[in-house]
N, C-alpha and C. Protein backbone atom coordinates (compact mmCIF):
# COMPACT_ATOMS: atom_id res chain seq x y z
N MET A 1 -67.79 80.46 -108.11
CA MET A 1 -69.25 79.79 -107.76
C MET A 1 -70.10 80.63 -108.79
N TYR A 2 -70.02 82.00 -109.07
CA TYR A 2 -71.21 82.57 -110.19
C TYR A 2 -70.91 81.72 -111.25
N PRO A 3 -70.06 81.68 -111.81
CA PRO A 3 -70.03 80.67 -113.36
C PRO A 3 -70.95 79.85 -113.43
N LEU A 4 -70.64 78.57 -112.14
CA LEU A 4 -71.60 77.86 -112.33
C LEU A 4 -72.84 78.24 -112.07
N VAL A 5 -73.39 79.27 -111.92
CA VAL A 5 -74.77 79.57 -112.04
C VAL A 5 -75.36 80.05 -113.34
N VAL A 6 -74.28 80.51 -113.84
CA VAL A 6 -74.29 80.84 -115.69
C VAL A 6 -74.58 79.50 -116.16
N GLU A 7 -73.61 78.54 -115.85
CA GLU A 7 -73.79 77.66 -116.69
C GLU A 7 -74.94 76.94 -116.25
N LEU A 8 -75.47 76.55 -114.98
CA LEU A 8 -76.57 75.81 -114.81
C LEU A 8 -78.02 76.42 -115.32
N ALA A 9 -78.03 77.96 -115.39
CA ALA A 9 -78.81 79.11 -115.86
C ALA A 9 -79.11 78.81 -117.60
N ALA A 10 -77.83 78.28 -118.19
CA ALA A 10 -78.09 77.85 -119.92
C ALA A 10 -78.37 76.69 -119.67
N GLU A 11 -78.03 75.48 -119.15
CA GLU A 11 -79.05 74.33 -118.91
C GLU A 11 -80.52 74.27 -118.38
N GLY A 12 -81.34 75.24 -117.96
CA GLY A 12 -82.53 75.47 -117.69
C GLY A 12 -82.69 75.68 -116.28
N VAL A 13 -81.87 75.49 -115.34
CA VAL A 13 -81.87 75.51 -113.84
C VAL A 13 -82.37 76.99 -113.62
N ALA A 14 -83.28 77.28 -112.72
CA ALA A 14 -83.46 78.84 -112.19
C ALA A 14 -82.29 79.07 -111.68
N VAL A 15 -82.15 80.40 -111.55
CA VAL A 15 -80.98 80.93 -110.90
C VAL A 15 -81.29 81.63 -109.52
N VAL A 16 -82.39 81.87 -109.00
CA VAL A 16 -83.03 81.64 -107.70
C VAL A 16 -83.00 80.44 -106.99
N THR A 17 -82.98 79.41 -107.72
CA THR A 17 -82.72 77.93 -106.68
C THR A 17 -81.47 77.76 -106.85
N THR A 18 -80.71 77.99 -107.83
CA THR A 18 -79.11 77.57 -107.86
C THR A 18 -78.25 78.15 -106.45
N CYS A 19 -78.71 79.92 -106.52
CA CYS A 19 -78.23 80.90 -105.69
C CYS A 19 -79.05 80.32 -104.23
N ARG A 20 -80.25 79.86 -104.17
CA ARG A 20 -80.49 79.58 -102.50
C ARG A 20 -79.78 78.17 -102.41
N VAL A 21 -79.40 77.29 -103.01
CA VAL A 21 -78.67 75.84 -102.90
C VAL A 21 -77.12 76.19 -102.51
N LEU A 22 -76.87 77.04 -103.29
CA LEU A 22 -75.15 77.33 -103.06
C LEU A 22 -75.14 78.28 -101.75
N GLY A 23 -76.41 79.31 -101.33
CA GLY A 23 -75.88 79.65 -100.18
C GLY A 23 -75.75 81.24 -100.15
N PHE A 24 -75.79 82.01 -101.49
CA PHE A 24 -75.81 83.38 -101.55
C PHE A 24 -77.20 84.08 -102.13
N SER A 25 -76.96 85.22 -102.10
CA SER A 25 -78.33 85.88 -102.71
C SER A 25 -78.25 85.88 -104.56
N THR A 26 -79.38 85.94 -104.74
CA THR A 26 -79.83 86.56 -106.24
C THR A 26 -79.10 87.92 -106.56
N GLN A 27 -79.19 88.68 -105.73
CA GLN A 27 -78.78 90.59 -105.75
C GLN A 27 -77.24 90.12 -105.70
N ALA A 28 -76.54 89.33 -105.43
CA ALA A 28 -74.81 89.02 -104.99
C ALA A 28 -74.81 88.73 -106.81
N PHE A 29 -75.21 87.75 -107.20
CA PHE A 29 -75.06 86.95 -108.25
C PHE A 29 -75.16 88.17 -109.59
N TYR A 30 -76.37 88.52 -109.55
CA TYR A 30 -76.52 89.89 -110.64
C TYR A 30 -75.42 90.96 -110.42
N LYS A 31 -75.04 91.46 -109.22
CA LYS A 31 -74.02 92.06 -109.40
C LYS A 31 -72.77 91.88 -109.79
N TRP A 32 -72.59 90.77 -109.69
CA TRP A 32 -71.40 90.03 -110.09
C TRP A 32 -71.60 90.22 -111.73
N ARG A 33 -72.60 89.92 -112.37
CA ARG A 33 -72.88 89.48 -113.52
C ARG A 33 -72.87 90.97 -114.13
N ASN A 34 -73.25 91.83 -113.47
CA ASN A 34 -73.08 93.15 -114.16
C ASN A 34 -71.34 93.67 -114.12
N ARG A 35 -70.83 93.28 -113.25
CA ARG A 35 -69.23 93.92 -113.07
C ARG A 35 -68.60 92.99 -112.51
N PRO A 36 -68.27 91.55 -113.48
CA PRO A 36 -67.25 90.50 -112.61
C PRO A 36 -66.11 90.48 -112.24
N TYR A 37 -65.23 91.89 -112.46
CA TYR A 37 -64.12 92.13 -112.16
C TYR A 37 -63.78 93.40 -111.11
N SER A 38 -63.22 93.44 -110.06
CA SER A 38 -63.54 94.79 -109.07
C SER A 38 -62.05 95.46 -110.05
N ASP A 39 -62.28 96.85 -108.97
CA ASP A 39 -61.35 97.25 -109.50
C ASP A 39 -60.03 97.37 -109.42
N SER A 40 -59.58 96.56 -107.95
CA SER A 40 -58.19 96.20 -107.65
C SER A 40 -58.06 95.43 -108.94
N GLU A 41 -58.81 94.12 -109.23
CA GLU A 41 -58.25 93.14 -109.87
C GLU A 41 -57.74 93.53 -111.32
N TRP A 42 -58.70 94.62 -111.54
CA TRP A 42 -58.49 95.11 -113.06
C TRP A 42 -57.04 95.86 -113.49
N ASP A 43 -56.95 96.95 -111.77
CA ASP A 43 -55.75 97.48 -111.74
C ASP A 43 -54.64 96.53 -111.58
N ASP A 44 -54.77 94.85 -111.18
CA ASP A 44 -53.41 94.40 -110.80
C ASP A 44 -53.50 94.10 -112.32
N ALA A 45 -54.33 93.41 -112.70
CA ALA A 45 -53.75 92.68 -114.28
C ALA A 45 -53.00 94.08 -115.37
N HIS A 46 -52.99 95.09 -115.35
CA HIS A 46 -52.55 96.25 -115.48
C HIS A 46 -51.14 96.13 -115.56
N LEU A 47 -51.15 96.13 -114.10
CA LEU A 47 -49.75 96.02 -113.69
C LEU A 47 -48.75 95.08 -113.80
N ILE A 48 -49.50 93.74 -113.83
CA ILE A 48 -48.95 92.60 -114.22
C ILE A 48 -48.21 92.60 -115.69
N ASN A 49 -49.28 93.11 -116.35
CA ASN A 49 -48.82 93.12 -117.81
C ASN A 49 -47.02 94.03 -117.72
N ALA A 50 -47.38 95.34 -117.24
CA ALA A 50 -46.53 96.13 -116.98
C ALA A 50 -45.09 95.50 -116.76
N LEU A 51 -45.57 94.98 -115.50
CA LEU A 51 -44.51 94.08 -114.81
C LEU A 51 -43.57 93.35 -115.98
N LYS A 52 -44.58 92.51 -116.55
CA LYS A 52 -44.03 91.58 -117.17
C LYS A 52 -43.25 91.98 -118.86
N ASP A 53 -43.54 93.09 -119.28
CA ASP A 53 -43.22 93.70 -120.51
C ASP A 53 -41.84 94.23 -119.87
N LEU A 54 -41.48 95.01 -118.37
CA LEU A 54 -40.23 95.24 -117.93
C LEU A 54 -39.44 94.21 -117.61
N HIS A 55 -39.91 93.16 -117.27
CA HIS A 55 -38.71 92.24 -116.86
C HIS A 55 -38.42 91.00 -118.15
N ALA A 56 -39.55 91.23 -119.36
CA ALA A 56 -38.64 90.78 -120.54
C ALA A 56 -37.50 91.40 -121.24
N ASP A 57 -37.47 93.00 -120.99
CA ASP A 57 -37.11 93.62 -121.39
C ASP A 57 -35.39 93.71 -120.52
N ASP A 58 -35.37 93.48 -119.36
CA ASP A 58 -34.46 93.06 -118.65
C ASP A 58 -34.80 91.75 -117.41
N PRO A 59 -34.32 91.07 -117.67
CA PRO A 59 -34.56 89.76 -116.66
C PRO A 59 -33.98 89.94 -115.40
N GLU A 60 -32.65 90.54 -115.03
CA GLU A 60 -31.92 90.66 -114.17
C GLU A 60 -32.44 91.77 -113.09
N PHE A 61 -33.73 92.61 -113.45
CA PHE A 61 -34.18 93.04 -112.67
C PHE A 61 -35.41 92.47 -111.72
N GLY A 62 -34.76 92.46 -110.17
CA GLY A 62 -36.01 92.11 -109.36
C GLY A 62 -37.16 93.04 -108.85
N TYR A 63 -37.86 92.69 -107.95
CA TYR A 63 -39.05 93.37 -107.85
C TYR A 63 -39.07 95.07 -107.28
N ARG A 64 -37.69 95.28 -106.57
CA ARG A 64 -37.29 96.62 -106.16
C ARG A 64 -36.77 97.42 -107.65
N PHE A 65 -36.47 96.82 -108.45
CA PHE A 65 -35.93 97.97 -109.40
C PHE A 65 -37.34 97.78 -110.49
N LEU A 66 -38.30 96.69 -110.48
CA LEU A 66 -39.44 96.94 -111.14
C LEU A 66 -40.26 97.88 -110.75
N HIS A 67 -40.43 98.01 -109.17
CA HIS A 67 -40.95 98.86 -108.80
C HIS A 67 -40.69 100.24 -109.25
N ASP A 68 -39.02 100.47 -109.05
CA ASP A 68 -38.76 101.78 -109.84
C ASP A 68 -38.95 102.07 -110.98
N GLU A 69 -38.63 101.34 -112.03
CA GLU A 69 -39.13 101.57 -113.37
C GLU A 69 -40.91 101.44 -113.36
N LEU A 70 -41.60 100.97 -112.40
CA LEU A 70 -43.38 101.22 -112.83
C LEU A 70 -43.42 102.44 -112.37
N VAL A 71 -42.75 103.16 -111.19
CA VAL A 71 -42.82 104.60 -110.80
C VAL A 71 -42.71 105.74 -111.64
N ALA A 72 -41.33 105.19 -112.26
CA ALA A 72 -41.17 106.11 -113.11
C ALA A 72 -41.80 106.10 -114.87
N GLY A 73 -42.32 105.08 -114.84
CA GLY A 73 -43.56 105.25 -116.10
C GLY A 73 -44.67 105.46 -115.77
N GLY A 74 -44.68 105.83 -114.76
CA GLY A 74 -46.43 106.79 -114.19
C GLY A 74 -47.49 106.02 -113.71
N HIS A 75 -47.31 104.60 -113.24
CA HIS A 75 -47.58 103.86 -112.50
C HIS A 75 -47.81 103.82 -111.31
N GLU A 76 -48.82 103.72 -110.52
CA GLU A 76 -48.86 104.01 -108.96
C GLU A 76 -49.20 102.75 -108.40
N ALA A 77 -48.06 102.40 -107.78
CA ALA A 77 -48.20 101.25 -106.70
C ALA A 77 -47.06 101.19 -105.70
N GLY A 78 -47.19 100.39 -104.88
CA GLY A 78 -46.44 100.30 -103.97
C GLY A 78 -45.39 99.10 -103.77
N PRO A 79 -44.28 99.31 -103.16
CA PRO A 79 -43.22 97.70 -103.32
C PRO A 79 -43.71 97.16 -102.87
N ASN A 80 -44.49 96.84 -101.88
CA ASN A 80 -45.40 95.34 -101.31
C ASN A 80 -46.14 94.81 -102.20
N ARG A 81 -46.67 95.75 -103.02
CA ARG A 81 -47.96 95.20 -104.15
C ARG A 81 -46.82 94.56 -105.17
N VAL A 82 -46.01 95.35 -105.46
CA VAL A 82 -45.26 94.77 -106.36
C VAL A 82 -44.46 93.58 -106.41
N GLN A 83 -44.07 93.65 -104.90
CA GLN A 83 -43.41 92.37 -104.53
C GLN A 83 -44.29 91.15 -104.79
N ARG A 84 -45.35 91.17 -104.03
CA ARG A 84 -46.87 90.40 -104.20
C ARG A 84 -47.26 89.98 -105.59
N LEU A 85 -47.30 90.87 -106.81
CA LEU A 85 -47.74 90.42 -107.83
C LEU A 85 -46.90 89.94 -108.61
N CYS A 86 -45.35 89.96 -108.18
CA CYS A 86 -43.97 89.46 -109.08
C CYS A 86 -44.11 88.16 -108.36
N ARG A 87 -44.53 87.63 -107.07
CA ARG A 87 -44.26 86.37 -106.69
C ARG A 87 -45.48 85.67 -107.05
N GLU A 88 -46.83 86.09 -106.75
CA GLU A 88 -47.65 85.47 -107.77
C GLU A 88 -48.08 84.80 -108.72
N ASN A 89 -46.91 85.78 -109.74
CA ASN A 89 -46.66 85.43 -111.20
C ASN A 89 -45.02 85.05 -111.54
N GLN A 90 -44.68 84.62 -110.61
CA GLN A 90 -43.72 84.18 -111.00
C GLN A 90 -42.52 84.91 -111.48
N VAL A 91 -42.83 86.23 -111.52
CA VAL A 91 -41.49 87.28 -112.01
C VAL A 91 -40.26 87.89 -111.06
N TRP A 92 -39.39 86.69 -111.41
CA TRP A 92 -38.08 87.20 -110.30
C TRP A 92 -36.83 87.42 -111.00
N SER A 93 -35.90 87.92 -110.40
CA SER A 93 -34.76 87.92 -111.08
C SER A 93 -34.05 86.60 -111.60
N VAL A 94 -33.29 86.99 -112.43
CA VAL A 94 -32.57 85.70 -112.98
C VAL A 94 -31.04 85.61 -111.77
N PHE A 95 -30.93 86.36 -110.89
CA PHE A 95 -29.80 86.19 -110.20
C PHE A 95 -30.66 85.68 -108.66
N ALA A 96 -31.72 85.47 -108.38
CA ALA A 96 -32.34 85.04 -107.10
C ALA A 96 -31.30 83.91 -106.40
N LYS A 97 -31.52 84.56 -105.66
CA LYS A 97 -30.63 83.47 -104.58
C LYS A 97 -31.30 82.28 -103.80
N LYS A 98 -31.33 80.92 -103.45
CA LYS A 98 -31.85 79.91 -102.99
C LYS A 98 -31.16 79.75 -101.56
N LYS A 99 -31.90 80.18 -100.74
CA LYS A 99 -31.44 79.83 -99.46
C LYS A 99 -31.28 78.45 -98.92
N GLY A 100 -30.59 78.38 -98.23
CA GLY A 100 -30.97 77.46 -97.36
C GLY A 100 -30.36 75.92 -98.23
N LEU A 101 -29.63 76.04 -99.44
CA LEU A 101 -29.94 74.79 -100.08
C LEU A 101 -28.09 74.63 -100.00
N GLY A 102 -27.96 73.52 -100.42
CA GLY A 102 -26.30 73.11 -100.51
C GLY A 102 -25.33 73.57 -99.89
N ARG A 103 -25.71 73.84 -98.79
CA ARG A 103 -24.41 74.30 -97.70
C ARG A 103 -24.20 72.94 -96.89
N ASN A 104 -22.79 73.20 -96.34
CA ASN A 104 -22.13 71.77 -95.87
C ASN A 104 -21.64 72.32 -94.91
N VAL A 105 -22.15 71.32 -93.63
CA VAL A 105 -21.79 71.80 -92.17
C VAL A 105 -20.40 71.42 -91.84
N GLY A 106 -19.83 72.69 -91.56
CA GLY A 106 -18.17 73.24 -91.19
C GLY A 106 -17.66 72.15 -90.13
N PRO A 107 -16.01 72.70 -89.61
CA PRO A 107 -15.77 71.83 -88.52
C PRO A 107 -16.44 72.68 -87.35
N PRO A 108 -16.09 71.73 -86.28
CA PRO A 108 -16.72 72.61 -84.81
C PRO A 108 -16.11 73.79 -84.84
N VAL A 109 -16.85 74.85 -84.08
CA VAL A 109 -16.07 76.19 -83.76
C VAL A 109 -15.11 75.95 -82.61
N HIS A 110 -15.73 74.99 -81.85
CA HIS A 110 -14.84 75.13 -80.28
C HIS A 110 -14.24 73.59 -80.32
N ASP A 111 -13.32 73.48 -79.48
CA ASP A 111 -12.89 72.07 -79.11
C ASP A 111 -13.87 71.77 -77.87
N ASP A 112 -14.58 70.33 -77.81
CA ASP A 112 -15.25 69.78 -76.65
C ASP A 112 -14.60 69.48 -75.63
N LEU A 113 -14.67 70.63 -74.79
CA LEU A 113 -13.44 70.33 -73.45
C LEU A 113 -14.35 69.83 -72.58
N VAL A 114 -15.76 69.39 -72.79
CA VAL A 114 -16.84 68.44 -71.77
C VAL A 114 -16.60 67.37 -71.70
N LYS A 115 -16.08 66.81 -73.14
CA LYS A 115 -15.78 65.51 -73.51
C LYS A 115 -17.01 64.51 -73.17
N ARG A 116 -18.24 64.79 -73.76
CA ARG A 116 -19.75 64.40 -73.69
C ARG A 116 -19.75 63.35 -74.81
N HIS A 117 -19.78 62.19 -74.72
CA HIS A 117 -20.19 61.07 -75.83
C HIS A 117 -21.47 60.72 -75.95
N PHE A 118 -22.24 60.99 -76.85
CA PHE A 118 -23.65 60.81 -76.97
C PHE A 118 -24.44 59.66 -77.88
N LYS A 119 -23.48 58.76 -77.57
CA LYS A 119 -23.26 57.48 -78.29
C LYS A 119 -24.01 56.08 -77.16
N LEU A 120 -24.86 55.48 -78.22
CA LEU A 120 -25.63 54.54 -77.32
C LEU A 120 -24.76 53.59 -77.15
N THR A 121 -24.40 52.92 -75.74
CA THR A 121 -23.80 51.88 -75.62
C THR A 121 -24.60 50.44 -75.47
N HIS A 122 -25.98 50.58 -74.87
CA HIS A 122 -26.58 49.46 -74.79
C HIS A 122 -28.16 49.71 -75.26
N PRO A 123 -28.98 48.53 -75.94
CA PRO A 123 -30.41 48.83 -76.35
C PRO A 123 -31.46 49.87 -74.89
N ILE A 124 -31.82 50.63 -75.13
CA ILE A 124 -33.04 51.07 -73.95
C ILE A 124 -34.17 50.08 -73.65
N ARG A 125 -34.41 49.70 -72.46
CA ARG A 125 -35.58 49.05 -72.68
C ARG A 125 -36.92 49.43 -71.87
N SER A 126 -37.94 49.34 -72.52
CA SER A 126 -39.19 50.20 -72.17
C SER A 126 -39.89 49.36 -71.19
N GLY A 127 -40.61 49.48 -70.07
CA GLY A 127 -41.45 49.29 -69.29
C GLY A 127 -41.12 49.16 -67.88
C-alpha cells in the first residue's frame, strides 16, 4: 500500500489524506519510506542469492544439502528457513519425487469371503 501513497503524492494528493483514506498512520508511511525492507527481508534476499548460486553449481542438491553448504560457507540459517526459501523460490533438486502420481491400483489383498456385491439392480426411488 505504501508505494500507492508515493504514486499519489507524485500526482499531487496529500500524504495525510491518502494515509487516512487507506487506514494507516502517516508515521507508519514515513517509517517505511526511510527503510522499505526489514532486516529479515534483506537477509532472506542474500540467502536466496547464495542458494541459487549453490543450486546452479550442483542442481542435484535438495534443501538439506544446500543448508549444509550454506553453513559451511559461513551463513547462519536453520534448515526450516532454507526449506521455506527454496520452496518459495522454486529451488529444488532435479530428482524431486512427485508423490501420488501415476500409481496403478493393484490386485485385492485378500479374497472376498463375505461375497458382497455392491451393484445396483434397480433404480432408487425417492419420496
